[in-house]
Amino acid sequence: MATPYYTKQPVYLEDPSGRFDNILPNRESSSTSSEYSEGPRSRYAVEMKNQKTRLNFPFTPTISVIQSANYSNYDLTHSNFQQRAFDSHTNMELNITAPMIVRSEEEALYVYNAAVWIRSTMKMSWMQDDNPGMPPPILRFNAHGVYENIPCVIRDFTWNLDSDIDYVEIPDPTNKRKIMRIPVTNMFVLSLSVTYSPKSIRENFSVKDYLAGNLKDKGYV
C-alpha cells in the first residue's frame, strides 16, 4: 500500500548530521526494494548510519509561529506616557500539531519509531556513546516552501495514548516475542526553538538581505 510516511512531504523535519542510526528510512534513501519485501520490521533491521534522518508529517499539520521583540520601558516622573527603547528580537518559536493516522502495521511501526527518534534528538550523547557530552543535534525544519532549512531544536514533545480509540498490534522491533499497541489516531505536538550559530549571524545576516528574500534558503525567518 502506498504510504505518505516514506515519501517527502510538504512539511518535514530533518537531522542532517547523520549522528544517529536512521530508524526512519524513506524511499529515496533505500538502495534496493528487498529492504521492503519481508514485512515492516525488516525495513528497520537495515542499519543506515551517517545518513540524514527525515521525519515526514504525512498529513498536513497545524503550525503556529511566534515571534516577538523586547523593548525596555523608561518611566518619566509626571508623565502620561512611557518611552520604549529596543532591547532585542527573540528567536522564532514554532508549535506543531501533527496528526499521525495509522492504517497498517507498517505505519504503526513508523509512528513508534518517529516518537523514539524525536525523543532521542532531545538528549545529549552519554557515557556509552561516541563523543560523550555532545549536545543534541541541530535539526532543519521545512514547511510548504514558506520555511526552508530552518535550524531548530525540539523543546517539548507530547504524544497521548488515548483511551477511546482502537489500537494496532505490532511486533516490538527490539524483541519479536513482545507485542506493542499503537493508536490508529495519533497527535504529535512539538515545540521548536529556532537557533543560529554566532558565525552564521556574523557572516550572513542583514535586515536588507532578509527583506529582499536573499536569506530564505539559509534558514533566517
C-alpha atoms as a PDB file:
ATOM      1  CA  MET A   1       0.000   0.000   0.000  1.00  0.00           C
ATOM      2  CA  ALA A   2       1.318   3.429  -0.915  1.00  0.00           C
ATOM      3  CA  THR A   3       2.011   5.470   2.182  1.00  0.00           C
ATOM      4  CA  PRO A   4       2.910   9.147   2.645  1.00  0.00           C
ATOM      5  CA  TYR A   5       5.162   8.275   5.567  1.00  0.00           C
ATOM      6  CA  TYR A   6       8.022   7.213   3.287  1.00  0.00           C
ATOM      7  CA  THR A   7       7.964   9.947   0.627  1.00  0.00           C
ATOM      8  CA  LYS A   8       8.986  13.553   1.129  1.00  0.00           C
ATOM      9  CA  GLN A   9       6.066  15.693   2.276  1.00  0.00           C
ATOM     10  CA  PRO A  10       5.457  19.473   2.198  1.00  0.00           C
ATOM     11  CA  VAL A  11       6.222  19.561   5.933  1.00  0.00           C
ATOM     12  CA  TYR A  12       9.145  17.606   7.382  1.00  0.00           C
ATOM     13  CA  LEU A  13      11.919  17.700   9.969  1.00  0.00           C
ATOM     14  CA  GLU A  14      15.469  16.538   9.226  1.00  0.00           C
ATOM     15  CA  ASP A  15      18.647  15.754  11.106  1.00  0.00           C
ATOM     16  CA  PRO A  16      21.431  16.458   8.580  1.00  0.00           C
ATOM     17  CA  SER A  17      24.211  15.464  10.981  1.00  0.00           C
ATOM     18  CA  GLY A  18      23.954  11.713  10.405  1.00  0.00           C
ATOM     19  CA  ARG A  19      24.903  11.178  14.059  1.00  0.00           C
ATOM     20  CA  PHE A  20      22.158   8.658  14.758  1.00  0.00           C
ATOM     21  CA  ASP A  21      21.242   5.390  13.082  1.00  0.00           C
ATOM     22  CA  ASN A  22      18.472   6.118  10.602  1.00  0.00           C
ATOM     23  CA  ILE A  23      15.396   4.390  12.024  1.00  0.00           C
ATOM     24  CA  LEU A  24      13.121   6.371   9.701  1.00  0.00           C
ATOM     25  CA  PRO A  25      14.242   5.247   6.221  1.00  0.00           C
ATOM     26  CA  ASN A  26      12.410   6.560   3.180  1.00  0.00           C
ATOM     27  CA  ARG A  27      12.025   5.599  -0.453  1.00  0.00           C
ATOM     28  CA  GLU A  28      14.769   7.958  -1.551  1.00  0.00           C
ATOM     29  CA  SER A  29      17.324   6.542   0.900  1.00  0.00           C
ATOM     30  CA  SER A  30      16.608   2.860   0.243  1.00  0.00           C
ATOM     31  CA  SER A  31      19.009   1.304  -2.247  1.00  0.00           C
ATOM     32  CA  THR A  32      17.084  -1.858  -3.039  1.00  0.00           C
ATOM     33  CA  SER A  33      13.489  -2.977  -2.931  1.00  0.00           C
ATOM     34  CA  SER A  34      14.492  -6.078  -0.966  1.00  0.00           C
ATOM     35  CA  GLU A  35      14.569  -3.977   2.194  1.00  0.00           C
ATOM     36  CA  TYR A  36      10.783  -3.746   1.954  1.00  0.00           C
ATOM     37  CA  SER A  37       9.918  -7.261   0.851  1.00  0.00           C
ATOM     38  CA  GLU A  38       9.794  -9.060   4.186  1.00  0.00           C
ATOM     39  CA  GLY A  39       7.287  -7.002   6.115  1.00  0.00           C
ATOM     40  CA  PRO A  40       7.529  -3.808   8.145  1.00  0.00           C
ATOM     41  CA  ARG A  41      10.056  -4.986  10.688  1.00  0.00           C
ATOM     42  CA  SER A  42      12.707  -5.935   8.111  1.00  0.00           C
ATOM     43  CA  ARG A  43      12.717  -2.322   6.949  1.00  0.00           C
ATOM     44  CA  TYR A  44      14.170  -1.255  10.272  1.00  0.00           C
ATOM     45  CA  ALA A  45      16.615  -4.141  10.517  1.00  0.00           C
ATOM     46  CA  VAL A  46      18.779  -2.469   7.870  1.00  0.00           C
ATOM     47  CA  GLU A  47      21.449  -0.379   9.603  1.00  0.00           C
ATOM     48  CA  MET A  48      21.626   3.059   7.998  1.00  0.00           C
ATOM     49  CA  LYS A  49      24.384   5.115   9.553  1.00  0.00           C
ATOM     50  CA  ASN A  50      25.717   8.511   8.532  1.00  0.00           C
ATOM     51  CA  GLN A  51      22.596   9.384   6.574  1.00  0.00           C
ATOM     52  CA  LYS A  52      20.320  12.300   7.296  1.00  0.00           C
ATOM     53  CA  THR A  53      17.123  11.267   9.023  1.00  0.00           C
ATOM     54  CA  ARG A  54      13.852  12.784   7.818  1.00  0.00           C
ATOM     55  CA  LEU A  55      10.634  12.762   9.800  1.00  0.00           C
ATOM     56  CA  ASN A  56       7.736  13.197   7.402  1.00  0.00           C
ATOM     57  CA  PHE A  57       4.481  14.690   8.625  1.00  0.00           C
ATOM     58  CA  PRO A  58       2.211  12.655   6.323  1.00  0.00           C
ATOM     59  CA  PHE A  59      -0.953  14.645   6.997  1.00  0.00           C
ATOM     60  CA  THR A  60      -0.835  18.445   6.967  1.00  0.00           C
ATOM     61  CA  PRO A  61      -0.049  19.685  10.498  1.00  0.00           C
ATOM     62  CA  THR A  62      -1.133  22.913  12.120  1.00  0.00           C
ATOM     63  CA  ILE A  63       1.872  25.225  12.521  1.00  0.00           C
ATOM     64  CA  SER A  64       1.796  28.187  14.891  1.00  0.00           C
ATOM     65  CA  VAL A  65       4.616  30.718  14.611  1.00  0.00           C
ATOM     66  CA  ILE A  66       5.528  33.030  17.475  1.00  0.00           C
ATOM     67  CA  GLN A  67       7.935  35.952  17.040  1.00  0.00           C
ATOM     68  CA  SER A  68       8.416  38.884  19.362  1.00  0.00           C
ATOM     69  CA  ALA A  69      10.622  41.881  20.053  1.00  0.00           C
ATOM     70  CA  ASN A  70      11.641  43.039  23.519  1.00  0.00           C
ATOM     71  CA  TYR A  71      11.510  46.723  24.495  1.00  0.00           C
ATOM     72  CA  SER A  72      12.595  48.356  27.747  1.00  0.00           C
ATOM     73  CA  ASN A  73      10.390  50.973  29.422  1.00  0.00           C
ATOM     74  CA  TYR A  74      11.635  54.385  30.518  1.00  0.00           C
ATOM     75  CA  ASP A  75       9.315  55.724  33.208  1.00  0.00           C
ATOM     76  CA  LEU A  76       9.375  59.520  33.461  1.00  0.00           C
ATOM     77  CA  THR A  77       8.098  61.362  36.510  1.00  0.00           C
ATOM     78  CA  HIS A  78       4.845  63.282  35.960  1.00  0.00           C
ATOM     79  CA  SER A  79       4.357  61.775  32.501  1.00  0.00           C
ATOM     80  CA  ASN A  80       1.244  60.318  30.922  1.00  0.00           C
ATOM     81  CA  PHE A  81       3.247  58.078  28.599  1.00  0.00           C
ATOM     82  CA  GLN A  82       6.362  55.947  28.829  1.00  0.00           C
ATOM     83  CA  GLN A  83       9.153  55.789  26.285  1.00  0.00           C
ATOM     84  CA  ARG A  84      10.308  52.461  24.876  1.00  0.00           C
ATOM     85  CA  ALA A  85      13.837  51.501  23.786  1.00  0.00           C
ATOM     86  CA  PHE A  86      14.551  48.473  21.641  1.00  0.00           C
ATOM     87  CA  ASP A  87      16.243  45.719  23.609  1.00  0.00           C
ATOM     88  CA  SER A  88      16.317  42.577  21.430  1.00  0.00           C
ATOM     89  CA  HIS A  89      14.495  40.399  18.956  1.00  0.00           C
ATOM     90  CA  THR A  90      13.732  36.867  20.119  1.00  0.00           C
ATOM     91  CA  ASN A  91      14.275  33.700  18.130  1.00  0.00           C
ATOM     92  CA  MET A  92      11.173  32.320  16.477  1.00  0.00           C
ATOM     93  CA  GLU A  93       9.187  29.615  18.259  1.00  0.00           C
ATOM     94  CA  LEU A  94       7.206  27.005  16.316  1.00  0.00           C
ATOM     95  CA  ASN A  95       4.354  24.924  17.685  1.00  0.00           C
ATOM     96  CA  ILE A  96       3.406  21.940  15.517  1.00  0.00           C
ATOM     97  CA  THR A  97       0.294  19.831  15.945  1.00  0.00           C
ATOM     98  CA  ALA A  98       0.613  16.897  13.566  1.00  0.00           C
ATOM     99  CA  PRO A  99      -1.946  14.117  13.025  1.00  0.00           C
ATOM    100  CA  MET A 100      -0.354  10.695  12.529  1.00  0.00           C
ATOM    101  CA  ILE A 101      -3.007   8.305  11.180  1.00  0.00           C
ATOM    102  CA  VAL A 102      -2.213   4.575  11.279  1.00  0.00           C
ATOM    103  CA  ARG A 103      -3.736   2.364   8.558  1.00  0.00           C
ATOM    104  CA  SER A 104      -1.350  -0.601   8.649  1.00  0.00           C
ATOM    105  CA  GLU A 105       1.295  -2.316  10.767  1.00  0.00           C
ATOM    106  CA  GLU A 106       3.936  -0.607   8.651  1.00  0.00           C
ATOM    107  CA  GLU A 107       2.609   2.843   9.504  1.00  0.00           C
ATOM    108  CA  ALA A 108       2.173   1.903  13.180  1.00  0.00           C
ATOM    109  CA  LEU A 109       5.855   0.999  13.329  1.00  0.00           C
ATOM    110  CA  TYR A 110       6.787   4.287  11.661  1.00  0.00           C
ATOM    111  CA  VAL A 111       4.809   6.251  14.269  1.00  0.00           C
ATOM    112  CA  TYR A 112       6.520   4.388  17.104  1.00  0.00           C
ATOM    113  CA  ASN A 113       9.987   4.923  15.616  1.00  0.00           C
ATOM    114  CA  ALA A 114       9.175   8.577  14.936  1.00  0.00           C
ATOM    115  CA  ALA A 115       8.383   9.067  18.636  1.00  0.00           C
ATOM    116  CA  VAL A 116      11.654   7.341  19.608  1.00  0.00           C
ATOM    117  CA  TRP A 117      13.628   9.478  17.164  1.00  0.00           C
ATOM    118  CA  ILE A 118      12.068  12.731  18.402  1.00  0.00           C
ATOM    119  CA  ARG A 119      12.909  11.882  21.998  1.00  0.00           C
ATOM    120  CA  SER A 120      16.471  10.925  21.040  1.00  0.00           C
ATOM    121  CA  THR A 121      17.068  14.332  19.434  1.00  0.00           C
ATOM    122  CA  MET A 122      16.295  15.971  22.781  1.00  0.00           C
ATOM    123  CA  LYS A 123      19.110  14.126  24.584  1.00  0.00           C
ATOM    124  CA  MET A 124      22.873  14.658  24.745  1.00  0.00           C
ATOM    125  CA  SER A 125      25.347  11.878  23.970  1.00  0.00           C
ATOM    126  CA  TRP A 126      26.198   9.926  27.114  1.00  0.00           C
ATOM    127  CA  MET A 127      28.845   7.638  28.576  1.00  0.00           C
ATOM    128  CA  GLN A 128      28.439   4.673  26.209  1.00  0.00           C
ATOM    129  CA  ASP A 129      28.059   6.847  23.090  1.00  0.00           C
ATOM    130  CA  ASP A 130      30.658   8.166  20.724  1.00  0.00           C
ATOM    131  CA  ASN A 131      31.704  11.689  21.742  1.00  0.00           C
ATOM    132  CA  PRO A 132      30.003  11.701  25.180  1.00  0.00           C
ATOM    133  CA  GLY A 133      28.807  15.113  26.258  1.00  0.00           C
ATOM    134  CA  MET A 134      27.883  16.271  22.737  1.00  0.00           C
ATOM    135  CA  PRO A 135      24.616  18.272  22.862  1.00  0.00           C
ATOM    136  CA  PRO A 136      21.524  17.327  20.856  1.00  0.00           C
ATOM    137  CA  PRO A 137      21.751  17.875  17.086  1.00  0.00           C
ATOM    138  CA  ILE A 138      20.518  20.994  15.323  1.00  0.00           C
ATOM    139  CA  LEU A 139      17.587  19.924  13.146  1.00  0.00           C
ATOM    140  CA  ARG A 140      16.207  21.516   9.983  1.00  0.00           C
ATOM    141  CA  PHE A 141      12.518  22.334   9.562  1.00  0.00           C
ATOM    142  CA  ASN A 142      10.776  22.790   6.210  1.00  0.00           C
ATOM    143  CA  ALA A 143       7.143  23.696   5.595  1.00  0.00           C
ATOM    144  CA  HIS A 144       5.203  24.409   2.384  1.00  0.00           C
ATOM    145  CA  GLY A 145       8.105  26.315   0.806  1.00  0.00           C
ATOM    146  CA  VAL A 146       7.379  29.144   3.269  1.00  0.00           C
ATOM    147  CA  TYR A 147      10.011  27.967   5.749  1.00  0.00           C
ATOM    148  CA  GLU A 148      13.172  26.456   4.304  1.00  0.00           C
ATOM    149  CA  ASN A 149      16.048  24.813   6.133  1.00  0.00           C
ATOM    150  CA  ILE A 150      15.186  26.417   9.484  1.00  0.00           C
ATOM    151  CA  PRO A 151      17.793  25.425  12.140  1.00  0.00           C
ATOM    152  CA  CYS A 152      15.957  24.424  15.298  1.00  0.00           C
ATOM    153  CA  VAL A 153      15.896  22.257  18.398  1.00  0.00           C
ATOM    154  CA  ILE A 154      12.952  20.402  19.930  1.00  0.00           C
ATOM    155  CA  ARG A 155      11.991  21.738  23.351  1.00  0.00           C
ATOM    156  CA  ASP A 156       8.784  19.833  24.040  1.00  0.00           C
ATOM    157  CA  PHE A 157       7.116  16.725  22.655  1.00  0.00           C
ATOM    158  CA  THR A 158       3.657  15.382  23.535  1.00  0.00           C
ATOM    159  CA  TRP A 159       2.159  12.096  22.353  1.00  0.00           C
ATOM    160  CA  ASN A 160      -1.009  10.831  24.039  1.00  0.00           C
ATOM    161  CA  LEU A 161      -2.136   7.207  24.051  1.00  0.00           C
ATOM    162  CA  ASP A 162      -5.864   7.878  24.186  1.00  0.00           C
ATOM    163  CA  SER A 163      -8.424   5.558  25.740  1.00  0.00           C
ATOM    164  CA  ASP A 164     -11.344   5.979  23.337  1.00  0.00           C
ATOM    165  CA  ILE A 165      -9.806   4.763  20.058  1.00  0.00           C
ATOM    166  CA  ASP A 166      -8.663   1.489  18.515  1.00  0.00           C
ATOM    167  CA  TYR A 167      -5.094   0.208  18.643  1.00  0.00           C
ATOM    168  CA  VAL A 168      -2.992  -1.741  16.145  1.00  0.00           C
ATOM    169  CA  GLU A 169      -0.836  -4.573  17.470  1.00  0.00           C
ATOM    170  CA  ILE A 170       2.670  -4.914  16.014  1.00  0.00           C
ATOM    171  CA  PRO A 171       5.806  -6.864  16.989  1.00  0.00           C
ATOM    172  CA  ASP A 172       8.228  -4.982  19.195  1.00  0.00           C
ATOM    173  CA  PRO A 173      11.186  -4.173  16.866  1.00  0.00           C
ATOM    174  CA  THR A 174      13.622  -4.961  19.684  1.00  0.00           C
ATOM    175  CA  ASN A 175      12.006  -8.267  20.695  1.00  0.00           C
ATOM    176  CA  LYS A 176       9.805 -10.277  18.312  1.00  0.00           C
ATOM    177  CA  ARG A 177       8.177 -12.145  21.200  1.00  0.00           C
ATOM    178  CA  LYS A 178       6.674  -8.928  22.568  1.00  0.00           C
ATOM    179  CA  ILE A 179       3.699  -7.016  21.202  1.00  0.00           C
ATOM    180  CA  MET A 180       3.215  -3.241  21.116  1.00  0.00           C
ATOM    181  CA  ARG A 181      -0.097  -1.451  20.671  1.00  0.00           C
ATOM    182  CA  ILE A 182      -0.146   1.805  18.686  1.00  0.00           C
ATOM    183  CA  PRO A 183      -3.262   4.022  18.430  1.00  0.00           C
ATOM    184  CA  VAL A 184      -4.868   4.263  14.988  1.00  0.00           C
ATOM    185  CA  THR A 185      -5.205   8.027  15.507  1.00  0.00           C
ATOM    186  CA  ASN A 186      -2.269   9.922  16.981  1.00  0.00           C
ATOM    187  CA  MET A 187      -1.422  13.564  17.507  1.00  0.00           C
ATOM    188  CA  PHE A 188       2.205  14.648  17.779  1.00  0.00           C
ATOM    189  CA  VAL A 189       2.618  18.057  19.422  1.00  0.00           C
ATOM    190  CA  LEU A 190       6.092  19.602  19.185  1.00  0.00           C
ATOM    191  CA  SER A 191       7.590  22.894  20.296  1.00  0.00           C
ATOM    192  CA  LEU A 192      10.597  24.001  18.242  1.00  0.00           C
ATOM    193  CA  SER A 193      13.022  26.816  19.003  1.00  0.00           C
ATOM    194  CA  VAL A 194      14.973  28.352  16.145  1.00  0.00           C
ATOM    195  CA  THR A 195      18.711  28.752  16.759  1.00  0.00           C
ATOM    196  CA  TYR A 196      21.644  30.159  14.773  1.00  0.00           C
ATOM    197  CA  SER A 197      25.380  29.916  15.251  1.00  0.00           C
ATOM    198  CA  PRO A 198      27.302  33.125  16.053  1.00  0.00           C
ATOM    199  CA  LYS A 199      29.441  32.604  12.932  1.00  0.00           C
ATOM    200  CA  SER A 200      26.376  32.364  10.684  1.00  0.00           C
ATOM    201  CA  ILE A 201      24.868  35.518  12.173  1.00  0.00           C
ATOM    202  CA  ARG A 202      28.100  37.499  11.735  1.00  0.00           C
ATOM    203  CA  GLU A 203      28.715  36.408   8.153  1.00  0.00           C
ATOM    204  CA  ASN A 204      25.228  36.034   6.701  1.00  0.00           C
ATOM    205  CA  PHE A 205      22.580  38.174   8.339  1.00  0.00           C
ATOM    206  CA  SER A 206      21.483  41.657   7.421  1.00  0.00           C
ATOM    207  CA  VAL A 207      17.993  43.146   7.550  1.00  0.00           C
ATOM    208  CA  LYS A 208      18.423  44.377   3.965  1.00  0.00           C
ATOM    209  CA  ASP A 209      19.128  40.866   2.654  1.00  0.00           C
ATOM    210  CA  TYR A 210      16.396  39.428   4.848  1.00  0.00           C
ATOM    211  CA  LEU A 211      13.807  41.830   3.441  1.00  0.00           C
ATOM    212  CA  ALA A 212      14.928  41.072  -0.118  1.00  0.00           C
ATOM    213  CA  GLY A 213      14.436  37.332   0.485  1.00  0.00           C
ATOM    214  CA  ASN A 214      18.117  36.524  -0.015  1.00  0.00           C
ATOM    215  CA  LEU A 215      18.366  34.673   3.296  1.00  0.00           C
ATOM    216  CA  LYS A 216      15.345  32.402   2.946  1.00  0.00           C
ATOM    217  CA  ASP A 217      17.312  29.321   1.918  1.00  0.00           C
ATOM    218  CA  LYS A 218      19.760  29.952   4.771  1.00  0.00           C
ATOM    219  CA  GLY A 219      17.004  29.440   7.336  1.00  0.00           C
ATOM    220  CA  TYR A 220      16.542  33.018   8.510  1.00  0.00           C
ATOM    221  CA  VAL A 221      12.973  33.862   9.462  1.00  0.00           C
END
